[in-house]
Amino acid sequence: MSLSQEEKSLIAESMQVYLQIVARQMPQAQVEQIAAIAQGIMKKLDNLQPAGKKGNKPAGITDEWYKKVCSTCEKLSPSGCEDKVTVKFPGKCDPILHYENQKNRKR
């Protein structure tokens, strides 16, 4: 998942508005807890990797496929594969099928 700077700014502004509303309705101790959580969320947003960069190995994908195909695929996100076919049928996406066909031809 990747967010543009504009999207991150919108989320930050939304958090500020939310904290202002919470400050009017809750005790200061709770407001401080919520503010700390909001700050943690913003740090996580700053550390998100762009889509297509290093991501977690999708379920059902072999180490070989991940290393040779998935790690360079544009559909790989930090949360896993975003390809609908791979989600339903691991290893049946076009890049992996092409890789397997080329590997079999070399034999």
PDB file of N, CA and C in Angstrom:
ATOM      1  N   MET A   1       0.852  -1.165   0.000  1.00  0.00           N
ATOM      2  CA  MET A   1       0.000   0.000   0.000  1.00  0.00           C
ATOM      3  C   MET A   1       0.895   1.224   0.000  1.00  0.00           C
ATOM      4  N   SER A   2       0.508   2.183  -0.782  1.00  0.00           N
ATOM      5  CA  SER A   2       1.286   3.405  -0.863  1.00  0.00           C
ATOM      6  C   SER A   2       0.331   4.591  -0.849  1.00  0.00           C
ATOM      7  N   LEU A   3       0.684   5.589  -0.075  1.00  0.00           N
ATOM      8  CA  LEU A   3      -0.130   6.797  -0.007  1.00  0.00           C
ATOM      9  C   LEU A   3       0.668   7.976  -0.536  1.00  0.00           C
ATOM     10  N   SER A   4      -0.016   8.834  -1.261  1.00  0.00           N
ATOM     11  CA  SER A   4       0.637  10.049  -1.741  1.00  0.00           C
ATOM     12  C   SER A   4       0.779  11.019  -0.572  1.00  0.00           C
ATOM     13  N   GLN A   5       1.593  12.032  -0.763  1.00  0.00           N
ATOM     14  CA  GLN A   5       1.784  13.042   0.289  1.00  0.00           C
ATOM     15  C   GLN A   5       0.466  13.755   0.574  1.00  0.00           C
ATOM     16  N   GLU A   6      -0.322  13.976  -0.455  1.00  0.00           N
ATOM     17  CA  GLU A   6      -1.627  14.629  -0.285  1.00  0.00           C
ATOM     18  C   GLU A   6      -2.553  13.767   0.586  1.00  0.00           C
ATOM     19  N   GLU A   7      -2.545  12.453   0.363  1.00  0.00           N
ATOM     20  CA  GLU A   7      -3.379  11.548   1.155  1.00  0.00           C
ATOM     21  C   GLU A   7      -2.919  11.520   2.612  1.00  0.00           C
ATOM     22  N   LYS A   8      -1.596  11.496   2.818  1.00  0.00           N
ATOM     23  CA  LYS A   8      -1.074  11.511   4.187  1.00  0.00           C
ATOM     24  C   LYS A   8      -1.456  12.809   4.899  1.00  0.00           C
ATOM     25  N   SER A   9      -1.406  13.929   4.182  1.00  0.00           N
ATOM     26  CA  SER A   9      -1.783  15.220   4.772  1.00  0.00           C
ATOM     27  C   SER A   9      -3.254  15.234   5.161  1.00  0.00           C
ATOM     28  N   LEU A  10      -4.098  14.663   4.315  1.00  0.00           N
ATOM     29  CA  LEU A  10      -5.525  14.596   4.614  1.00  0.00           C
ATOM     30  C   LEU A  10      -5.774  13.769   5.869  1.00  0.00           C
ATOM     31  N   ILE A  11      -5.077  12.654   6.000  1.00  0.00           N
ATOM     32  CA  ILE A  11      -5.232  11.817   7.190  1.00  0.00           C
ATOM     33  C   ILE A  11      -4.755  12.577   8.433  1.00  0.00           C
ATOM     34  N   ALA A  12      -3.633  13.278   8.330  1.00  0.00           N
ATOM     35  CA  ALA A  12      -3.115  14.048   9.464  1.00  0.00           C
ATOM     36  C   ALA A  12      -4.103  15.133   9.879  1.00  0.00           C
ATOM     37  N   GLU A  13      -4.664  15.840   8.915  1.00  0.00           N
ATOM     38  CA  GLU A  13      -5.655  16.876   9.227  1.00  0.00           C
ATOM     39  C   GLU A  13      -6.895  16.267   9.865  1.00  0.00           C
ATOM     40  N   SER A  14      -7.320  15.117   9.365  1.00  0.00           N
ATOM     41  CA  SER A  14      -8.484  14.429   9.928  1.00  0.00           C
ATOM     42  C   SER A  14      -8.235  14.028  11.369  1.00  0.00           C
ATOM     43  N   MET A  15      -7.031  13.569  11.648  1.00  0.00           N
ATOM     44  CA  MET A  15      -6.674  13.189  13.015  1.00  0.00           C
ATOM     45  C   MET A  15      -6.737  14.408  13.938  1.00  0.00           C
ATOM     46  N   GLN A  16      -6.251  15.556  13.456  1.00  0.00           N
ATOM     47  CA  GLN A  16      -6.269  16.774  14.264  1.00  0.00           C
ATOM     48  C   GLN A  16      -7.706  17.195  14.589  1.00  0.00           C
ATOM     49  N   VAL A  17      -8.581  17.137  13.597  1.00  0.00           N
ATOM     50  CA  VAL A  17      -9.984  17.490  13.817  1.00  0.00           C
ATOM     51  C   VAL A  17     -10.613  16.513  14.816  1.00  0.00           C
ATOM     52  N   TYR A  18     -10.321  15.231  14.635  1.00  0.00           N
ATOM     53  CA  TYR A  18     -10.847  14.216  15.548  1.00  0.00           C
ATOM     54  C   TYR A  18     -10.375  14.483  16.981  1.00  0.00           C
ATOM     55  N   LEU A  19      -9.088  14.799  17.137  1.00  0.00           N
ATOM     56  CA  LEU A  19      -8.558  15.063  18.468  1.00  0.00           C
ATOM     57  C   LEU A  19      -9.197  16.307  19.097  1.00  0.00           C
ATOM     58  N   GLN A  20      -9.508  17.308  18.282  1.00  0.00           N
ATOM     59  CA  GLN A  20     -10.179  18.500  18.801  1.00  0.00           C
ATOM     60  C   GLN A  20     -11.571  18.161  19.314  1.00  0.00           C
ATOM     61  N   ILE A  21     -12.274  17.320  18.578  1.00  0.00           N
ATOM     62  CA  ILE A  21     -13.623  16.909  19.001  1.00  0.00           C
ATOM     63  C   ILE A  21     -13.543  16.077  20.275  1.00  0.00           C
ATOM     64  N   VAL A  22     -12.590  15.140  20.310  1.00  0.00           N
ATOM     65  CA  VAL A  22     -12.413  14.290  21.491  1.00  0.00           C
ATOM     66  C   VAL A  22     -12.055  15.127  22.702  1.00  0.00           C
ATOM     67  N   ALA A  23     -11.233  16.153  22.528  1.00  0.00           N
ATOM     68  CA  ALA A  23     -10.794  16.998  23.643  1.00  0.00           C
ATOM     69  C   ALA A  23     -11.967  17.701  24.316  1.00  0.00           C
ATOM     70  N   ARG A  24     -13.021  17.952  23.571  1.00  0.00           N
ATOM     71  CA  ARG A  24     -14.201  18.619  24.139  1.00  0.00           C
ATOM     72  C   ARG A  24     -15.087  17.654  24.915  1.00  0.00           C
ATOM     73  N   GLN A  25     -14.966  16.360  24.630  1.00  0.00           N
ATOM     74  CA  GLN A  25     -15.918  15.402  25.178  1.00  0.00           C
ATOM     75  C   GLN A  25     -15.330  14.418  26.181  1.00  0.00           C
ATOM     76  N   MET A  26     -14.015  14.313  26.261  1.00  0.00           N
ATOM     77  CA  MET A  26     -13.395  13.306  27.127  1.00  0.00           C
ATOM     78  C   MET A  26     -12.435  13.954  28.113  1.00  0.00           C
ATOM     79  N   PRO A  27     -12.134  13.233  29.183  1.00  0.00           N
ATOM     80  CA  PRO A  27     -11.133  13.731  30.135  1.00  0.00           C
ATOM     81  C   PRO A  27      -9.749  13.815  29.476  1.00  0.00           C
ATOM     82  N   GLN A  28      -8.903  14.682  30.020  1.00  0.00           N
ATOM     83  CA  GLN A  28      -7.582  14.939  29.443  1.00  0.00           C
ATOM     84  C   GLN A  28      -6.738  13.670  29.330  1.00  0.00           C
ATOM     85  N   ALA A  29      -6.816  12.767  30.296  1.00  0.00           N
ATOM     86  CA  ALA A  29      -6.015  11.539  30.272  1.00  0.00           C
ATOM     87  C   ALA A  29      -6.363  10.684  29.051  1.00  0.00           C
ATOM     88  N   GLN A  30      -7.632  10.580  28.746  1.00  0.00           N
ATOM     89  CA  GLN A  30      -8.058   9.807  27.578  1.00  0.00           C
ATOM     90  C   GLN A  30      -7.647  10.493  26.275  1.00  0.00           C
ATOM     91  N   VAL A  31      -7.733  11.802  26.263  1.00  0.00           N
ATOM     92  CA  VAL A  31      -7.326  12.560  25.079  1.00  0.00           C
ATOM     93  C   VAL A  31      -5.845  12.317  24.795  1.00  0.00           C
ATOM     94  N   GLU A  32      -5.029  12.311  25.852  1.00  0.00           N
ATOM     95  CA  GLU A  32      -3.597  12.070  25.677  1.00  0.00           C
ATOM     96  C   GLU A  32      -3.325  10.663  25.153  1.00  0.00           C
ATOM     97  N   GLN A  33      -4.097   9.675  25.618  1.00  0.00           N
ATOM     98  CA  GLN A  33      -3.945   8.308  25.124  1.00  0.00           C
ATOM     99  C   GLN A  33      -4.297   8.230  23.643  1.00  0.00           C
ATOM    100  N   ILE A  34      -5.391   8.859  23.269  1.00  0.00           N
ATOM    101  CA  ILE A  34      -5.825   8.849  21.864  1.00  0.00           C
ATOM    102  C   ILE A  34      -4.821   9.598  20.994  1.00  0.00           C
ATOM    103  N   ALA A  35      -4.267  10.679  21.503  1.00  0.00           N
ATOM    104  CA  ALA A  35      -3.260  11.442  20.757  1.00  0.00           C
ATOM    105  C   ALA A  35      -2.013  10.594  20.517  1.00  0.00           C
ATOM    106  N   ALA A  36      -1.618   9.804  21.509  1.00  0.00           N
ATOM    107  CA  ALA A  36      -0.458   8.924  21.343  1.00  0.00           C
ATOM    108  C   ALA A  36      -0.729   7.864  20.281  1.00  0.00           C
ATOM    109  N   ILE A  37      -1.936   7.335  20.273  1.00  0.00           N
ATOM    110  CA  ILE A  37      -2.314   6.343  19.253  1.00  0.00           C
ATOM    111  C   ILE A  37      -2.289   6.989  17.875  1.00  0.00           C
ATOM    112  N   ALA A  38      -2.844   8.184  17.768  1.00  0.00           N
ATOM    113  CA  ALA A  38      -2.864   8.897  16.486  1.00  0.00           C
ATOM    114  C   ALA A  38      -1.450   9.168  15.992  1.00  0.00           C
ATOM    115  N   GLN A  39      -0.562   9.528  16.912  1.00  0.00           N
ATOM    116  CA  GLN A  39       0.833   9.777  16.540  1.00  0.00           C
ATOM    117  C   GLN A  39       1.480   8.488  16.032  1.00  0.00           C
ATOM    118  N   GLY A  40       1.167   7.361  16.658  1.00  0.00           N
ATOM    119  CA  GLY A  40       1.677   6.065  16.198  1.00  0.00           C
ATOM    120  C   GLY A  40       1.186   5.720  14.803  1.00  0.00           C
ATOM    121  N   ILE A  41      -0.064   6.038  14.538  1.00  0.00           N
ATOM    122  CA  ILE A  41      -0.631   5.786  13.202  1.00  0.00           C
ATOM    123  C   ILE A  41       0.110   6.620  12.161  1.00  0.00           C
ATOM    124  N   MET A  42       0.367   7.872  12.481  1.00  0.00           N
ATOM    125  CA  MET A  42       1.065   8.740  11.530  1.00  0.00           C
ATOM    126  C   MET A  42       2.488   8.246  11.262  1.00  0.00           C
ATOM    127  N   LYS A  43       3.163   7.730  12.286  1.00  0.00           N
ATOM    128  CA  LYS A  43       4.503   7.176  12.087  1.00  0.00           C
ATOM    129  C   LYS A  43       4.451   5.966  11.156  1.00  0.00           C
ATOM    130  N   LYS A  44       3.434   5.126  11.341  1.00  0.00           N
ATOM    131  CA  LYS A  44       3.281   3.952  10.474  1.00  0.00           C
ATOM    132  C   LYS A  44       3.032   4.381   9.029  1.00  0.00           C
ATOM    133  N   LEU A  45       2.228   5.416   8.843  1.00  0.00           N
ATOM    134  CA  LEU A  45       1.957   5.901   7.490  1.00  0.00           C
ATOM    135  C   LEU A  45       3.231   6.418   6.833  1.00  0.00           C
ATOM    136  N   ASP A  46       4.093   7.042   7.610  1.00  0.00           N
ATOM    137  CA  ASP A  46       5.351   7.560   7.069  1.00  0.00           C
ATOM    138  C   ASP A  46       6.293   6.435   6.661  1.00  0.00           C
ATOM    139  N   ASN A  47       6.140   5.272   7.276  1.00  0.00           N
ATOM    140  CA  ASN A  47       7.047   4.165   7.007  1.00  0.00           C
ATOM    141  C   ASN A  47       6.503   3.146   6.015  1.00  0.00           C
ATOM    142  N   LEU A  48       5.329   3.405   5.460  1.00  0.00           N
ATOM    143  CA  LEU A  48       4.786   2.469   4.473  1.00  0.00           C
ATOM    144  C   LEU A  48       5.674   2.438   3.246  1.00  0.00           C
ATOM    145  N   GLN A  49       5.875   1.232   2.726  1.00  0.00           N
ATOM    146  CA  GLN A  49       6.666   1.091   1.511  1.00  0.00           C
ATOM    147  C   GLN A  49       5.740   1.234   0.312  1.00  0.00           C
ATOM    148  N   PRO A  50       6.233   1.812  -0.758  1.00  0.00           N
ATOM    149  CA  PRO A  50       5.417   1.917  -1.967  1.00  0.00           C
ATOM    150  C   PRO A  50       5.028   0.548  -2.499  1.00  0.00           C
ATOM    151  N   ALA A  51       3.886   0.487  -3.151  1.00  0.00           N
ATOM    152  CA  ALA A  51       3.426  -0.763  -3.748  1.00  0.00           C
ATOM    153  C   ALA A  51       4.451  -1.267  -4.739  1.00  0.00           C
ATOM    154  N   GLY A  52       4.597  -2.579  -4.792  1.00  0.00           N
ATOM    155  CA  GLY A  52       5.526  -3.183  -5.721  1.00  0.00           C
ATOM    156  C   GLY A  52       6.922  -3.318  -5.149  1.00  0.00           C
ATOM    157  N   LYS A  53       7.166  -2.782  -3.986  1.00  0.00           N
ATOM    158  CA  LYS A  53       8.460  -2.938  -3.330  1.00  0.00           C
ATOM    159  C   LYS A  53       8.368  -4.163  -2.430  1.00  0.00           C
ATOM    160  N   LYS A  54       9.409  -4.394  -1.672  1.00  0.00           N
ATOM    161  CA  LYS A  54       9.457  -5.570  -0.817  1.00  0.00           C
ATOM    162  C   LYS A  54       8.142  -5.761  -0.085  1.00  0.00           C
ATOM    163  N   GLY A  55       7.668  -6.983  -0.072  1.00  0.00           N
ATOM    164  CA  GLY A  55       6.432  -7.297   0.608  1.00  0.00           C
ATOM    165  C   GLY A  55       6.496  -8.692   1.189  1.00  0.00           C
ATOM    166  N   ASN A  56       5.489  -9.033   1.923  1.00  0.00           N
ATOM    167  CA  ASN A  56       5.424 -10.353   2.524  1.00  0.00           C
ATOM    168  C   ASN A  56       5.113 -11.408   1.480  1.00  0.00           C
ATOM    169  N   LYS A  57       5.659 -12.599   1.695  1.00  0.00           N
ATOM    170  CA  LYS A  57       5.418 -13.699   0.767  1.00  0.00           C
ATOM    171  C   LYS A  57       3.948 -14.109   0.876  1.00  0.00           C
ATOM    172  N   PRO A  58       3.228 -14.126  -0.243  1.00  0.00           N
ATOM    173  CA  PRO A  58       1.823 -14.532  -0.214  1.00  0.00           C
ATOM    174  C   PRO A  58       1.668 -15.995   0.181  1.00  0.00           C
ATOM    175  N   ALA A  59       0.560 -16.331   0.782  1.00  0.00           N
ATOM    176  CA  ALA A  59       0.276 -17.712   1.175  1.00  0.00           C
ATOM    177  C   ALA A  59       0.223 -18.609  -0.060  1.00  0.00           C
ATOM    178  N   GLY A  60       0.801 -19.786   0.044  1.00  0.00           N
ATOM    179  CA  GLY A  60       0.767 -20.756  -1.046  1.00  0.00           C
ATOM    180  C   GLY A  60       1.834 -20.550  -2.103  1.00  0.00           C
ATOM    181  N   ILE A  61       2.698 -19.588  -1.924  1.00  0.00           N
ATOM    182  CA  ILE A  61       3.755 -19.287  -2.890  1.00  0.00           C
ATOM    183  C   ILE A  61       5.061 -19.890  -2.365  1.00  0.00           C
ATOM    184  N   THR A  62       5.767 -20.610  -3.231  1.00  0.00           N
ATOM    185  CA  THR A  62       7.026 -21.223  -2.813  1.00  0.00           C
ATOM    186  C   THR A  62       8.102 -20.152  -2.668  1.00  0.00           C
ATOM    187  N   ASP A  63       9.148 -20.512  -1.947  1.00  0.00           N
ATOM    188  CA  ASP A  63      10.278 -19.585  -1.790  1.00  0.00           C
ATOM    189  C   ASP A  63      10.900 -19.262  -3.147  1.00  0.00           C
ATOM    190  N   GLU A  64      10.982 -20.258  -4.018  1.00  0.00           N
ATOM    191  CA  GLU A  64      11.555 -20.047  -5.351  1.00  0.00           C
ATOM    192  C   GLU A  64      10.729 -19.043  -6.147  1.00  0.00           C
ATOM    193  N   TRP A  65       9.418 -19.209  -6.165  1.00  0.00           N
ATOM    194  CA  TRP A  65       8.541 -18.281  -6.887  1.00  0.00           C
ATOM    195  C   TRP A  65       8.679 -16.872  -6.318  1.00  0.00           C
ATOM    196  N   TYR A  66       8.689 -16.790  -4.987  1.00  0.00           N
ATOM    197  CA  TYR A  66       8.788 -15.476  -4.359  1.00  0.00           C
ATOM    198  C   TYR A  66      10.096 -14.794  -4.755  1.00  0.00           C
ATOM    199  N   LYS A  67      11.187 -15.549  -4.677  1.00  0.00           N
ATOM    200  CA  LYS A  67      12.504 -14.974  -4.965  1.00  0.00           C
ATOM    201  C   LYS A  67      12.659 -14.607  -6.437  1.00  0.00           C
ATOM    202  N   LYS A  68      12.212 -15.484  -7.345  1.00  0.00           N
ATOM    203  CA  LYS A  68      12.432 -15.287  -8.777  1.00  0.00           C
ATOM    204  C   LYS A  68      11.357 -14.434  -9.451  1.00  0.00           C
ATOM    205  N   VAL A  69      10.137 -14.428  -8.906  1.00  0.00           N
ATOM    206  CA  VAL A  69       9.022 -13.751  -9.594  1.00  0.00           C
ATOM    207  C   VAL A  69       8.378 -12.669  -8.724  1.00  0.00           C
ATOM    208  N   CYS A  70       7.881 -13.048  -7.575  1.00  0.00           N
ATOM    209  CA  CYS A  70       7.065 -12.147  -6.760  1.00  0.00           C
ATOM    210  C   CYS A  70       7.827 -10.914  -6.277  1.00  0.00           C
ATOM    211  N   SER A  71       9.095 -11.088  -5.908  1.00  0.00           N
ATOM    212  CA  SER A  71       9.839  -9.967  -5.334  1.00  0.00           C
ATOM    213  C   SER A  71      10.021  -8.809  -6.313  1.00  0.00           C
ATOM    214  N   THR A  72       9.863  -9.062  -7.613  1.00  0.00           N
ATOM    215  CA  THR A  72       9.980  -7.987  -8.603  1.00  0.00           C
ATOM    216  C   THR A  72       8.634  -7.618  -9.228  1.00  0.00           C
ATOM    217  N   CYS A  73       7.578  -8.271  -8.797  1.00  0.00           N
ATOM    218  CA  CYS A  73       6.251  -8.044  -9.392  1.00  0.00           C
ATOM    219  C   CYS A  73       5.648  -6.746  -8.862  1.00  0.00           C
ATOM    220  N   GLU A  74       5.025  -5.992  -9.754  1.00  0.00           N
ATOM    221  CA  GLU A  74       4.408  -4.714  -9.355  1.00  0.00           C
ATOM    222  C   GLU A  74       3.146  -4.904  -8.519  1.00  0.00           C
ATOM    223  N   LYS A  75       2.591  -6.104  -8.490  1.00  0.00           N
ATOM    224  CA  LYS A  75       1.374  -6.345  -7.711  1.00  0.00           C
ATOM    225  C   LYS A  75       1.666  -6.781  -6.284  1.00  0.00           C
ATOM    226  N   LEU A  76       2.936  -6.881  -5.929  1.00  0.00           N
ATOM    227  CA  LEU A  76       3.303  -7.245  -4.566  1.00  0.00           C
ATOM    228  C   LEU A  76       3.320  -5.991  -3.704  1.00  0.00           C
ATOM    229  N   SER A  77       2.581  -6.043  -2.613  1.00  0.00           N
ATOM    230  CA  SER A  77       2.536  -4.918  -1.682  1.00  0.00           C
ATOM    231  C   SER A  77       3.037  -5.405  -0.328  1.00  0.00           C
ATOM    232  N   PRO A  78       3.276  -4.503   0.603  1.00  0.00           N
ATOM    233  CA  PRO A  78       3.726  -4.936   1.927  1.00  0.00           C
ATOM    234  C   PRO A  78       2.761  -5.899   2.611  1.00  0.00           C
ATOM    235  N   SER A  79       1.500  -5.860   2.241  1.00  0.00           N
ATOM    236  CA  SER A  79       0.528  -6.769   2.851  1.00  0.00           C
ATOM    237  C   SER A  79       0.399  -8.083   2.095  1.00  0.00           C
ATOM    238  N   GLY A  80       1.102  -8.249   0.984  1.00  0.00           N
ATOM    239  CA  GLY A  80       1.033  -9.480   0.201  1.00  0.00           C
ATOM    240  C   GLY A  80       0.694  -9.181  -1.245  1.00  0.00           C
ATOM    241  N   CYS A  81       0.249 -10.214  -1.951  1.00  0.00           N
ATOM    242  CA  CYS A  81      -0.058 -10.073  -3.371  1.00  0.00           C
ATOM    243  C   CYS A  81      -1.448  -9.479  -3.564  1.00  0.00           C
ATOM    244  N   GLU A  82      -1.550  -8.531  -4.486  1.00  0.00           N
ATOM    245  CA  GLU A  82      -2.828  -7.896  -4.769  1.00  0.00           C
ATOM    246  C   GLU A  82      -3.470  -8.441  -6.039  1.00  0.00           C
ATOM    247  N   ASP A  83      -2.844  -9.458  -6.663  1.00  0.00           N
ATOM    248  CA  ASP A  83      -3.388 -10.061  -7.868  1.00  0.00           C
ATOM    249  C   ASP A  83      -4.554 -10.974  -7.481  1.00  0.00           C
ATOM    250  N   LYS A  84      -5.727 -10.752  -8.063  1.00  0.00           N
ATOM    251  CA  LYS A  84      -6.929 -11.498  -7.695  1.00  0.00           C
ATOM    252  C   LYS A  84      -6.795 -12.987  -7.974  1.00  0.00           C
ATOM    253  N   VAL A  85      -6.101 -13.334  -9.043  1.00  0.00           N
ATOM    254  CA  VAL A  85      -5.922 -14.744  -9.395  1.00  0.00           C
ATOM    255  C   VAL A  85      -5.056 -15.436  -8.346  1.00  0.00           C
ATOM    256  N   THR A  86      -3.961 -14.800  -7.968  1.00  0.00           N
ATOM    257  CA  THR A  86      -3.043 -15.399  -6.995  1.00  0.00           C
ATOM    258  C   THR A  86      -3.706 -15.550  -5.632  1.00  0.00           C
ATOM    259  N   VAL A  87      -4.541 -14.607  -5.265  1.00  0.00           N
ATOM    260  CA  VAL A  87      -5.239 -14.696  -3.985  1.00  0.00           C
ATOM    261  C   VAL A  87      -6.117 -15.948  -3.963  1.00  0.00           C
ATOM    262  N   LYS A  88      -6.837 -16.206  -5.056  1.00  0.00           N
ATOM    263  CA  LYS A  88      -7.710 -17.385  -5.132  1.00  0.00           C
ATOM    264  C   LYS A  88      -6.937 -18.662  -5.425  1.00  0.00           C
ATOM    265  N   PHE A  89      -5.969 -18.574  -6.328  1.00  0.00           N
ATOM    266  CA  PHE A  89      -5.223 -19.740  -6.785  1.00  0.00           C
ATOM    267  C   PHE A  89      -3.717 -19.448  -6.726  1.00  0.00           C
ATOM    268  N   PRO A  90      -3.094 -19.635  -5.568  1.00  0.00           N
ATOM    269  CA  PRO A  90      -1.665 -19.326  -5.442  1.00  0.00           C
ATOM    270  C   PRO A  90      -0.826 -20.043  -6.506  1.00  0.00           C
ATOM    271  N   GLY A  91       0.034 -19.274  -7.156  1.00  0.00           N
ATOM    272  CA  GLY A  91       0.926 -19.839  -8.168  1.00  0.00           C
ATOM    273  C   GLY A  91       0.335 -19.895  -9.554  1.00  0.00           C
ATOM    274  N   LYS A  92      -0.874 -19.419  -9.736  1.00  0.00           N
ATOM    275  CA  LYS A  92      -1.522 -19.499 -11.048  1.00  0.00           C
ATOM    276  C   LYS A  92      -1.609 -18.158 -11.759  1.00  0.00           C
ATOM    277  N   CYS A  93      -0.874 -17.164 -11.285  1.00  0.00           N
ATOM    278  CA  CYS A  93      -0.875 -15.876 -11.970  1.00  0.00           C
ATOM    279  C   CYS A  93       0.043 -15.955 -13.188  1.00  0.00           C
ATOM    280  N   ASP A  94      -0.110 -15.055 -14.128  1.00  0.00           N
ATOM    281  CA  ASP A  94       0.676 -15.070 -15.365  1.00  0.00           C
ATOM    282  C   ASP A  94       2.184 -15.032 -15.136  1.00  0.00           C
ATOM    283  N   PRO A  95       2.709 -14.150 -14.278  1.00  0.00           N
ATOM    284  CA  PRO A  95       4.169 -14.128 -14.110  1.00  0.00           C
ATOM    285  C   PRO A  95       4.742 -15.469 -13.634  1.00  0.00           C
ATOM    286  N   ILE A  96       4.072 -16.125 -12.698  1.00  0.00           N
ATOM    287  CA  ILE A  96       4.567 -17.410 -12.204  1.00  0.00           C
ATOM    288  C   ILE A  96       4.419 -18.482 -13.279  1.00  0.00           C
ATOM    289  N   LEU A  97       3.312 -18.479 -14.000  1.00  0.00           N
ATOM    290  CA  LEU A  97       3.131 -19.463 -15.073  1.00  0.00           C
ATOM    291  C   LEU A  97       4.184 -19.288 -16.164  1.00  0.00           C
ATOM    292  N   HIS A  98       4.493 -18.046 -16.530  1.00  0.00           N
ATOM    293  CA  HIS A  98       5.545 -17.782 -17.516  1.00  0.00           C
ATOM    294  C   HIS A  98       6.897 -18.269 -17.005  1.00  0.00           C
ATOM    295  N   TYR A  99       7.178 -18.013 -15.738  1.00  0.00           N
ATOM    296  CA  TYR A  99       8.435 -18.451 -15.140  1.00  0.00           C
ATOM    297  C   TYR A  99       8.543 -19.976 -15.203  1.00  0.00           C
ATOM    298  N   GLU A 100       7.474 -20.669 -14.819  1.00  0.00           N
ATOM    299  CA  GLU A 100       7.487 -22.134 -14.838  1.00  0.00           C
ATOM    300  C   GLU A 100       7.627 -22.672 -16.262  1.00  0.00           C
ATOM    301  N   ASN A 101       6.951 -22.042 -17.225  1.00  0.00           N
ATOM    302  CA  ASN A 101       7.070 -22.487 -18.622  1.00  0.00           C
ATOM    303  C   ASN A 101       8.496 -22.319 -19.129  1.00  0.00           C
ATOM    304  N   GLN A 102       9.122 -21.192 -18.834  1.00  0.00           N
ATOM    305  CA  GLN A 102      10.507 -20.964 -19.258  1.00  0.00           C
ATOM    306  C   GLN A 102      11.457 -21.948 -18.579  1.00  0.00           C
ATOM    307  N   LYS A 103      11.220 -22.235 -17.341  1.00  0.00           N
ATOM    308  CA  LYS A 103      12.064 -23.165 -16.599  1.00  0.00           C
ATOM    309  C   LYS A 103      11.942 -24.573 -17.208  1.00  0.00           C
ATOM    310  N   ASN A 104      10.725 -24.971 -17.565  1.00  0.00           N
ATOM    311  CA  ASN A 104      10.506 -26.299 -18.151  1.00  0.00           C
ATOM    312  C   ASN A 104      11.097 -26.405 -19.548  1.00  0.00           C
ATOM    313  N   ARG A 105      11.104 -25.319 -20.305  1.00  0.00           N
ATOM    314  CA  ARG A 105      11.673 -25.330 -21.659  1.00  0.00           C
ATOM    315  C   ARG A 105      13.192 -25.523 -21.631  1.00  0.00           C
ATOM    316  N   LYS A 106      13.826 -25.014 -20.578  1.00  0.00           N
ATOM    317  CA  LYS A 106      15.273 -25.117 -20.458  1.00  0.00           C
ATOM    318  C   LYS A 106      15.724 -26.543 -20.150  1.00  0.00           C
ATOM    319  N   ARG A 107      14.844 -27.356 -19.662  1.00  0.00           N
ATOM    320  CA  ARG A 107      15.207 -28.735 -19.291  1.00  0.00           C
ATOM    321  C   ARG A 107      15.333 -29.612 -20.473  1.00  0.00           C
TER     322      ARG A 107
END
